[in-house]
Each structure stands twice: as C-alpha cells, then as structure tokens.
Amino acid sequence: MHLNKVPITILCGFLGSGKTTLLNHILENHQNRKISVIVNEFGEVNVDSKLVKHTTEKMIELSNGCICCTLRGDLIEGVDELIRNHNVDHIVIESTGIGEPIPIAQAFYVHPELLELNSDIPYIQNRVFVDAIITMVDSAQFLEMYQRNTTVPGDQFGRGYGQLLAEQIEGADILILNKKDAATDEQIRTLYELFLTMNPRVKILEAEYGKVDTSEIIDTTIFDIETAEKSSLWIAELEKETSSESEEYGIETYIYSTKERFDEQKLIDTLNGGLPANILRSKGLIAVEGFDAAFLWSQAGKFLQFQQIGRFADPQNAKTEIVFIGQNLDRKMIDQLLKQAEVVNL
C-alpha cells in the first residue's frame, strides 16, 4: 500500500513538552535513514553544531545525511521540494505548540477533485503517507495546564488550554509521557487512565529528556486516515464497560442520555455556573427546544464550548447524549445539574 512512498510523522505538543529534545534525539539516532525534520524555527531546535555540514537561509544539512529545514509557505510545497530534491527516507513535521494534528494530516489526503481546482498545489498523494501522529506531554505539568480556565495566547480560534490539549490527545496515534522523572507515580497512573479513556487506541510511551527507542516512533504505519477523521470515535468506545483499573485510580466515565430537550436559557445559565472540577472531559450532542439543529457540547478542563454544528437527521426523535470523563464522578449530581435545564412539559 505504501510502496515507494515517503512516510511522514507529525509531532505535536505544547512548548515545554520536550519536542525539541525528541527532534534532536531522532536526528542523532536516525538508524541510517535520511531523515528530514521540518520545524517552525531553527532556534528552537538547536541542532548540535557537530552535526552541521552546510547551512542555507532555510535549510541545515547534517553530516549524518539528515536535513533540518524551516517551514515557510505552503506545507505541501515544502514537502514536495524535499522529496524531489533531497531523496529523503522519512519526514518529521513539528507542529506549532498550538497546532491540532488532524488538519495537518489531512493535507496529505486531499481529494484529486480539489487539486484540479488548484493547479498550483503539487500532487504528492502518490509519493507520501502519514506514518504516525505523535503527541508529547509534560507528565508533571499536564493536568495543571489542562485545567486552566484561560484561552491559549496567540490561538486564532480562541481555544482554551484544555480544549487544545484534548484535541492533541484524541488525535494522537502515539503519546509520549515525557519528563517522567519529574512526575510522581500517581500522576503517571492518572495520565494513563485519562488518556486511554479519551483515546482507547493510542500507544503510550514513557521518556526522560525526550529519549525513546526510535523504532517505536519511526516507520510504524500506525496512522489510519479513516480512524483519524472519526472525531467522535472515543465516544463509541466509552460505551464499553469501564475497566476495573480505571475505577481503581478514580478515572471513570458516565453517559448522560435523554430524549427530553433542553431549555436554551436554562442550559446557558447552567453552563455559566460551571461544571465540577473533577469532570475532566465531556463531549456530546445536545437537542434544544425550538431547534432542529444539533448542538455540540465539548468541554476539556475548565474550558467549555457549546455551538450549533448541523441538523438532526430525524429532529422529531432527536436525543441528547453527553459522555463525561472524570475522577470520582458524582452521577446523581450530574443528573440533577442537567435535568434542571430540561424543558418542563406540563
């Protein structure tokens, strides 16, 4: 399926997660592959000067055959240049700290019909494939950042820390729990349970100073575009029985389901009142009185979004389903909180 195609790894993670150390680790342990790393800025990568062979304004050629280049202009054009002119074996793309991985991956699976309408975009679908999406997290700092109630500086979509981190976790094929040495055993156990509940298919690795076995993250063929595009896959997974391990460490799930519709103003008032701090993630579709539209409820940490996303296929039989993930959830309290916002039929 991927014969003669160049694999692409997409690397995500907030500033401070350790992406830079991992990139340098990959460049130093390339296992005889000609690897190209596409980064946002050279200064952040700080490539070992002993490896540098030749530099240009946007490219560093290394003595071990690898290439490090800055991302300028269109991503597809940059990848096209690399595979045409430098005969690379593997490409690692460093996403910005506030980047969501799935849209980057989708850039390499553009429908031919769209390319015909944009003749300036190189056709590279038959020459590359996405090998894996990797998200790095700071094991000791993740939960504190995840539960911040402020938006991320510089994010054009105004997303909160929790929402953006959730997108990076749910979109990952591989999660690297970096800085393990700075985290407690309890923090590591909590992260395992939270991440496997949010993304049951993900592979989790542990690291110190960004050092992992490169064979675990390069040439894995773990990425699947159809799975990646099913953004609510984890909701279906959560309907399965919760493991006893999750209960042991306090991470559990609860699905609130009702055929009753919500009163718009009552629901807004309820949301403005805030959700309990032990609810770490929730997501689902909401039916509101007077609307045929479906509304998306998406909460991560202290950040919650509520927005119209489309129309129910059968509005007369629409129902609300919200999946809650948290520590020691009070299910009766969740029921009471939401039922007070439902329409009262006299």
Protein backbone atom coordinates (compact mmCIF):
# COMPACT_ATOMS: atom_id res chain seq x y z
CA MET A 1 0.00 0.00 0.00
CA HIS A 2 2.82 2.42 0.89
CA LEU A 3 5.38 1.05 -1.57
CA ASN A 4 7.92 3.72 -2.63
CA LYS A 5 6.15 6.39 -0.58
CA VAL A 6 7.94 8.61 1.95
CA PRO A 7 6.49 8.27 5.47
CA ILE A 8 5.59 11.43 7.40
CA THR A 9 5.47 11.73 11.19
CA ILE A 10 3.55 14.66 12.71
CA LEU A 11 4.82 15.75 16.12
CA CYS A 12 2.61 17.82 18.45
CA GLY A 13 2.96 19.17 21.95
CA PHE A 14 2.92 22.42 23.90
CA LEU A 15 6.06 24.46 24.42
CA GLY A 16 7.92 22.78 27.26
CA SER A 17 6.71 19.27 26.48
CA GLY A 18 10.11 18.27 25.12
CA LYS A 19 9.57 18.24 21.35
CA THR A 20 12.95 19.85 20.75
CA THR A 21 14.84 17.18 22.65
CA LEU A 22 12.94 14.45 20.81
CA LEU A 23 13.73 16.01 17.42
CA ASN A 24 17.42 16.15 18.26
CA HIS A 25 17.25 12.57 19.53
CA ILE A 26 15.76 11.46 16.20
CA LEU A 27 18.44 13.31 14.21
CA GLU A 28 21.19 11.72 16.29
CA ASN A 29 19.68 8.21 16.14
CA HIS A 30 18.48 8.04 12.56
CA GLN A 31 19.41 4.36 12.03
CA ASN A 32 20.94 5.01 8.59
CA ARG A 33 17.82 6.74 7.31
CA LYS A 34 17.94 10.08 5.53
CA ILE A 35 15.54 11.97 7.74
CA SER A 36 14.22 15.47 7.18
CA VAL A 37 12.79 17.45 10.08
CA ILE A 38 10.52 20.37 9.20
CA VAL A 39 10.45 22.87 12.06
CA ASN A 40 8.96 26.27 12.73
CA GLU A 41 12.20 27.98 13.74
CA PHE A 42 15.80 26.76 13.78
CA GLY A 43 16.48 28.47 17.09
CA GLU A 44 14.02 26.24 18.92
CA VAL A 45 15.65 23.04 17.66
CA ASN A 46 19.25 23.98 18.48
CA VAL A 47 20.84 21.30 16.31
CA ASP A 48 24.16 20.04 17.64
CA SER A 49 26.87 22.07 15.90
CA LYS A 50 28.99 18.92 15.45
CA LEU A 51 26.34 17.59 13.08
CA VAL A 52 26.05 20.69 10.90
CA LYS A 53 27.60 20.29 7.47
CA HIS A 54 26.12 23.13 5.41
CA THR A 55 23.53 25.81 6.04
CA THR A 56 21.32 28.00 3.88
CA GLU A 57 18.64 30.52 4.83
CA LYS A 58 16.04 27.81 5.33
CA MET A 59 17.93 24.54 5.47
CA ILE A 60 20.60 22.79 7.53
CA GLU A 61 22.30 19.76 6.00
CA LEU A 62 23.76 17.45 8.61
CA SER A 63 26.87 15.31 8.43
CA ASN A 64 24.83 12.16 9.09
CA GLY A 65 22.71 12.65 5.94
CA CYS A 66 19.72 14.19 7.69
CA ILE A 67 18.17 17.56 6.82
CA CYS A 68 16.58 20.16 9.07
CA CYS A 69 14.53 22.87 7.36
CA THR A 70 12.17 25.65 8.39
CA LEU A 71 8.52 25.64 7.48
CA ARG A 72 7.84 28.58 5.21
CA GLY A 73 4.96 28.97 2.83
CA ASP A 74 2.68 26.07 1.97
CA LEU A 75 3.33 22.80 3.77
CA ILE A 76 2.62 20.65 0.72
CA GLU A 77 5.03 22.69 -1.42
CA GLY A 78 7.73 22.30 1.22
CA VAL A 79 7.30 18.52 1.38
CA ASP A 80 7.23 18.36 -2.42
CA GLU A 81 10.58 20.16 -2.57
CA LEU A 82 12.14 17.78 -0.06
CA ILE A 83 11.11 14.57 -1.78
CA ARG A 84 12.03 15.88 -5.25
CA ASN A 85 15.42 17.37 -4.46
CA HIS A 86 16.81 15.57 -1.42
CA ASN A 87 15.90 11.88 -1.69
CA VAL A 88 14.76 11.61 1.95
CA ASP A 89 13.64 8.39 3.64
CA HIS A 90 11.41 9.93 6.31
CA ILE A 91 9.95 13.35 7.15
CA VAL A 92 9.12 14.59 10.66
CA ILE A 93 6.89 17.68 10.81
CA GLU A 94 6.96 19.66 14.04
CA SER A 95 3.56 21.23 14.60
CA THR A 96 3.36 24.51 16.46
CA GLY A 97 2.59 24.26 20.16
CA ILE A 98 -0.99 25.32 19.45
CA GLY A 99 -1.37 23.10 16.40
CA GLU A 100 -4.04 20.44 16.04
CA PRO A 101 -2.66 17.32 14.29
CA ILE A 102 -5.60 16.05 12.23
CA PRO A 103 -5.80 19.04 9.81
CA ILE A 104 -2.06 18.69 9.14
CA ALA A 105 -2.52 15.00 8.31
CA GLN A 106 -5.50 15.77 6.06
CA ALA A 107 -3.28 18.00 3.92
CA PHE A 108 -1.69 14.83 2.54
CA TYR A 109 -5.01 13.20 1.67
CA VAL A 110 -6.58 15.95 -0.44
CA HIS A 111 -9.17 14.69 -2.91
CA PRO A 112 -7.95 14.83 -6.55
CA GLU A 113 -11.03 16.85 -7.49
CA LEU A 114 -9.90 19.67 -5.19
CA LEU A 115 -6.39 19.57 -6.61
CA GLU A 116 -7.80 20.01 -10.11
CA LEU A 117 -9.33 23.29 -8.93
CA ASN A 118 -5.97 24.39 -7.51
CA SER A 119 -3.41 23.64 -10.17
CA ASP A 120 -0.66 25.43 -8.22
CA ILE A 121 -0.71 22.81 -5.44
CA PRO A 122 1.72 19.92 -6.13
CA TYR A 123 0.20 16.45 -6.30
CA ILE A 124 2.09 14.39 -3.72
CA GLN A 125 -0.51 11.87 -2.55
CA ASN A 126 1.17 9.08 -4.51
CA ARG A 127 4.58 9.89 -3.03
CA VAL A 128 3.94 10.30 0.72
CA PHE A 129 1.80 8.88 3.52
CA VAL A 130 1.28 9.80 7.16
CA ASP A 131 3.08 7.23 9.30
CA ALA A 132 2.06 8.41 12.77
CA ILE A 133 0.77 11.35 14.77
CA ILE A 134 2.78 11.74 17.97
CA THR A 135 1.84 13.99 20.88
CA MET A 136 4.32 14.77 23.65
CA VAL A 137 3.17 15.85 27.09
CA ASP A 138 4.94 17.14 30.17
CA SER A 139 3.99 14.42 32.65
CA ALA A 140 4.38 16.61 35.72
CA GLN A 141 2.64 19.73 34.36
CA PHE A 142 -0.09 18.32 32.10
CA LEU A 143 -3.05 18.27 34.49
CA GLU A 144 -2.35 21.78 35.80
CA MET A 145 -2.23 23.18 32.26
CA TYR A 146 -5.22 21.11 31.16
CA GLN A 147 -7.41 22.61 33.88
CA ARG A 148 -6.55 26.27 33.27
CA ASN A 149 -9.60 28.44 32.65
CA THR A 150 -7.91 30.84 30.20
CA THR A 151 -7.57 30.78 26.44
CA VAL A 152 -4.26 29.97 24.76
CA PRO A 153 -2.29 33.12 23.81
CA GLY A 154 -1.96 33.51 20.06
CA ASP A 155 -4.62 30.93 19.17
CA GLN A 156 -6.73 32.41 16.38
CA PHE A 157 -9.69 30.20 17.34
CA GLY A 158 -9.71 31.36 20.96
CA ARG A 159 -9.43 27.84 22.35
CA GLY A 160 -8.77 27.06 25.98
CA TYR A 161 -5.77 25.06 27.17
CA GLY A 162 -7.90 22.04 27.98
CA GLN A 163 -9.65 22.02 24.62
CA LEU A 164 -6.42 22.23 22.63
CA LEU A 165 -4.67 19.60 24.72
CA ALA A 166 -7.71 17.32 24.33
CA GLU A 167 -7.52 17.70 20.55
CA GLN A 168 -3.85 16.75 20.60
CA ILE A 169 -4.51 13.74 22.84
CA GLU A 170 -7.54 12.46 20.92
CA GLY A 171 -5.81 12.91 17.56
CA ALA A 172 -2.65 11.01 18.51
CA ASP A 173 -1.56 7.53 17.48
CA ILE A 174 1.34 7.64 19.95
CA LEU A 175 1.57 9.57 23.22
CA ILE A 176 4.95 10.19 24.82
CA LEU A 177 4.83 10.91 28.54
CA ASN A 178 8.00 12.98 28.73
CA LYS A 179 9.77 14.23 31.86
CA LYS A 180 8.68 11.10 33.68
CA ASP A 181 11.46 11.68 36.22
CA ALA A 182 9.74 14.90 37.36
CA ALA A 183 6.33 13.29 37.85
CA THR A 184 5.01 11.17 40.71
CA ASP A 185 3.83 7.60 40.25
CA GLU A 186 0.29 8.77 40.98
CA GLN A 187 0.49 11.44 38.25
CA ILE A 188 1.69 8.86 35.73
CA ARG A 189 -1.09 6.41 36.64
CA THR A 190 -3.70 9.17 36.36
CA LEU A 191 -2.41 10.22 32.93
CA TYR A 192 -2.52 6.62 31.67
CA GLU A 193 -6.11 6.18 32.73
CA LEU A 194 -7.23 9.58 31.46
CA PHE A 195 -5.51 9.25 28.08
CA LEU A 196 -6.66 5.67 27.45
CA THR A 197 -10.21 6.73 28.28
CA MET A 198 -10.05 9.72 25.94
CA ASN A 199 -8.27 7.76 23.21
CA PRO A 200 -8.56 3.97 23.67
CA ARG A 201 -6.48 3.14 20.59
CA VAL A 202 -3.44 5.23 21.50
CA LYS A 203 0.00 3.73 22.17
CA ILE A 204 1.70 5.25 25.23
CA LEU A 205 5.47 5.52 25.70
CA GLU A 206 7.40 7.00 28.61
CA ALA A 207 10.52 9.15 28.29
CA GLU A 208 13.07 11.25 30.09
CA TYR A 209 14.69 14.10 28.16
CA GLY A 210 12.79 13.06 25.03
CA LYS A 211 14.69 9.80 24.66
CA VAL A 212 12.71 6.87 23.31
CA ASP A 213 13.55 3.92 21.09
CA THR A 214 13.24 5.47 17.61
CA SER A 215 11.96 2.15 16.21
CA GLU A 216 8.84 2.75 18.34
CA ILE A 217 8.03 6.06 16.63
CA ILE A 218 9.57 5.89 13.12
CA ASP A 219 8.20 3.65 10.35
CA THR A 220 5.30 2.42 12.47
CA THR A 221 2.49 2.62 9.81
CA ILE A 222 0.13 3.14 12.76
CA PHE A 223 -1.81 6.08 11.29
CA ASP A 224 -5.18 5.42 9.61
CA ILE A 225 -6.93 8.32 7.89
CA GLU A 226 -10.43 6.84 8.26
CA THR A 227 -9.97 6.39 12.01
CA ALA A 228 -8.46 9.86 12.37
CA GLU A 229 -11.41 11.54 10.69
CA LYS A 230 -13.90 9.93 13.09
CA SER A 231 -13.55 12.65 15.69
CA SER A 232 -16.14 11.09 17.98
CA LEU A 233 -14.64 7.60 17.90
CA TRP A 234 -13.81 7.74 21.58
CA ILE A 235 -17.45 8.35 22.47
CA ALA A 236 -18.39 4.99 20.99
CA GLU A 237 -15.51 3.36 22.81
CA LEU A 238 -16.68 4.82 26.10
CA GLU A 239 -19.96 2.95 25.84
CA LYS A 240 -17.99 -0.21 26.55
CA GLU A 241 -17.67 -1.36 30.12
CA THR A 242 -15.21 0.73 32.13
CA SER A 243 -12.17 -1.23 33.26
CA SER A 244 -11.56 -2.01 36.91
CA GLU A 245 -8.15 -0.32 36.60
CA SER A 246 -9.81 2.98 35.77
CA GLU A 247 -12.04 2.70 38.81
CA GLU A 248 -9.04 1.91 40.99
CA TYR A 249 -7.38 5.23 40.15
CA GLY A 250 -10.58 7.23 40.16
CA ILE A 251 -10.92 7.82 36.38
CA GLU A 252 -14.36 6.83 35.21
CA THR A 253 -16.97 7.63 32.59
CA TYR A 254 -20.67 8.37 32.64
CA ILE A 255 -23.07 8.80 29.72
CA TYR A 256 -25.98 11.17 30.25
CA SER A 257 -28.73 10.30 27.77
CA THR A 258 -32.22 11.77 27.48
CA LYS A 259 -34.97 12.25 24.90
CA GLU A 260 -36.07 15.45 26.64
CA ARG A 261 -34.99 18.71 25.04
CA PHE A 262 -33.15 21.49 26.84
CA ASP A 263 -34.43 24.97 27.51
CA GLU A 264 -31.83 27.18 25.82
CA GLN A 265 -31.62 29.87 28.51
CA LYS A 266 -31.68 27.40 31.39
CA LEU A 267 -28.88 25.42 29.77
CA ILE A 268 -26.81 28.57 29.24
CA ASP A 269 -27.34 29.53 32.88
CA THR A 270 -26.30 26.04 33.97
CA LEU A 271 -23.14 26.15 31.88
CA ASN A 272 -22.28 29.65 33.11
CA GLY A 273 -22.42 28.24 36.61
CA GLY A 274 -19.54 25.96 35.72
CA LEU A 275 -19.01 22.20 35.92
CA PRO A 276 -17.44 20.43 38.89
CA ALA A 277 -13.64 20.43 38.78
CA ASN A 278 -13.47 16.63 38.82
CA ILE A 279 -15.09 16.47 35.35
CA LEU A 280 -12.00 16.45 33.14
CA ARG A 281 -13.63 15.92 29.73
CA SER A 282 -17.14 15.79 28.33
CA LYS A 283 -18.49 15.74 24.82
CA GLY A 284 -21.77 15.05 23.08
CA LEU A 285 -24.74 16.23 21.03
CA ILE A 286 -27.50 18.37 22.54
CA ALA A 287 -31.15 18.76 21.45
CA VAL A 288 -32.58 22.22 22.27
CA GLU A 289 -36.28 23.12 22.35
CA GLY A 290 -37.37 25.05 19.26
CA PHE A 291 -34.42 23.98 17.09
CA ASP A 292 -33.97 21.19 14.56
CA ALA A 293 -30.25 21.87 14.79
CA ALA A 294 -27.83 19.67 16.69
CA PHE A 295 -25.57 21.44 19.17
CA LEU A 296 -22.10 20.18 20.09
CA TRP A 297 -21.13 20.17 23.77
CA SER A 298 -17.35 19.97 24.13
CA GLN A 299 -15.60 20.53 27.45
CA ALA A 300 -11.98 19.96 28.41
CA GLY A 301 -10.67 21.01 31.79
CA LYS A 302 -12.24 24.37 32.66
CA PHE A 303 -12.98 25.31 29.04
CA LEU A 304 -16.38 24.53 27.53
CA GLN A 305 -17.78 25.12 24.05
CA PHE A 306 -21.42 24.95 23.01
CA GLN A 307 -22.16 25.52 19.34
CA GLN A 308 -24.50 24.55 16.50
CA ILE A 309 -22.92 22.02 14.15
CA GLY A 310 -25.72 20.84 11.86
CA ARG A 311 -29.25 19.44 11.73
CA PHE A 312 -30.51 16.22 13.25
CA ALA A 313 -31.41 13.67 10.56
CA ASP A 314 -34.67 12.97 12.41
CA PRO A 315 -35.47 16.06 14.56
CA GLN A 316 -38.67 14.52 15.99
CA ASN A 317 -36.67 11.72 17.59
CA ALA A 318 -33.51 13.66 18.43
CA LYS A 319 -31.92 12.91 21.79
CA THR A 320 -29.10 14.24 23.90
CA GLU A 321 -26.06 12.14 24.75
CA ILE A 322 -23.08 13.51 26.65
CA VAL A 323 -20.09 11.45 27.73
CA PHE A 324 -18.38 12.58 30.95
CA ILE A 325 -14.84 11.60 31.95
CA GLY A 326 -13.58 12.46 35.39
CA GLN A 327 -12.26 11.47 38.77
CA ASN A 328 -14.80 10.02 41.22
CA LEU A 329 -17.79 11.31 39.29
CA ASP A 330 -20.99 12.08 41.20
CA ARG A 331 -23.54 10.74 38.72
CA LYS A 332 -26.58 11.89 40.71
CA MET A 333 -25.17 15.41 40.83
CA ILE A 334 -24.61 15.40 37.04
CA ASP A 335 -28.20 14.22 36.52
CA GLN A 336 -29.57 16.96 38.80
CA LEU A 337 -27.43 19.62 37.14
CA LEU A 338 -28.69 18.80 33.65
CA LYS A 339 -32.29 17.91 34.45
CA GLN A 340 -32.86 21.40 35.86
CA ALA A 341 -32.13 22.75 32.36
CA GLU A 342 -34.57 20.48 30.55
CA VAL A 343 -37.91 21.71 29.24
CA VAL A 344 -40.70 21.14 31.73
CA ASN A 345 -43.73 19.61 29.97
CA LEU A 346 -46.89 20.37 31.93
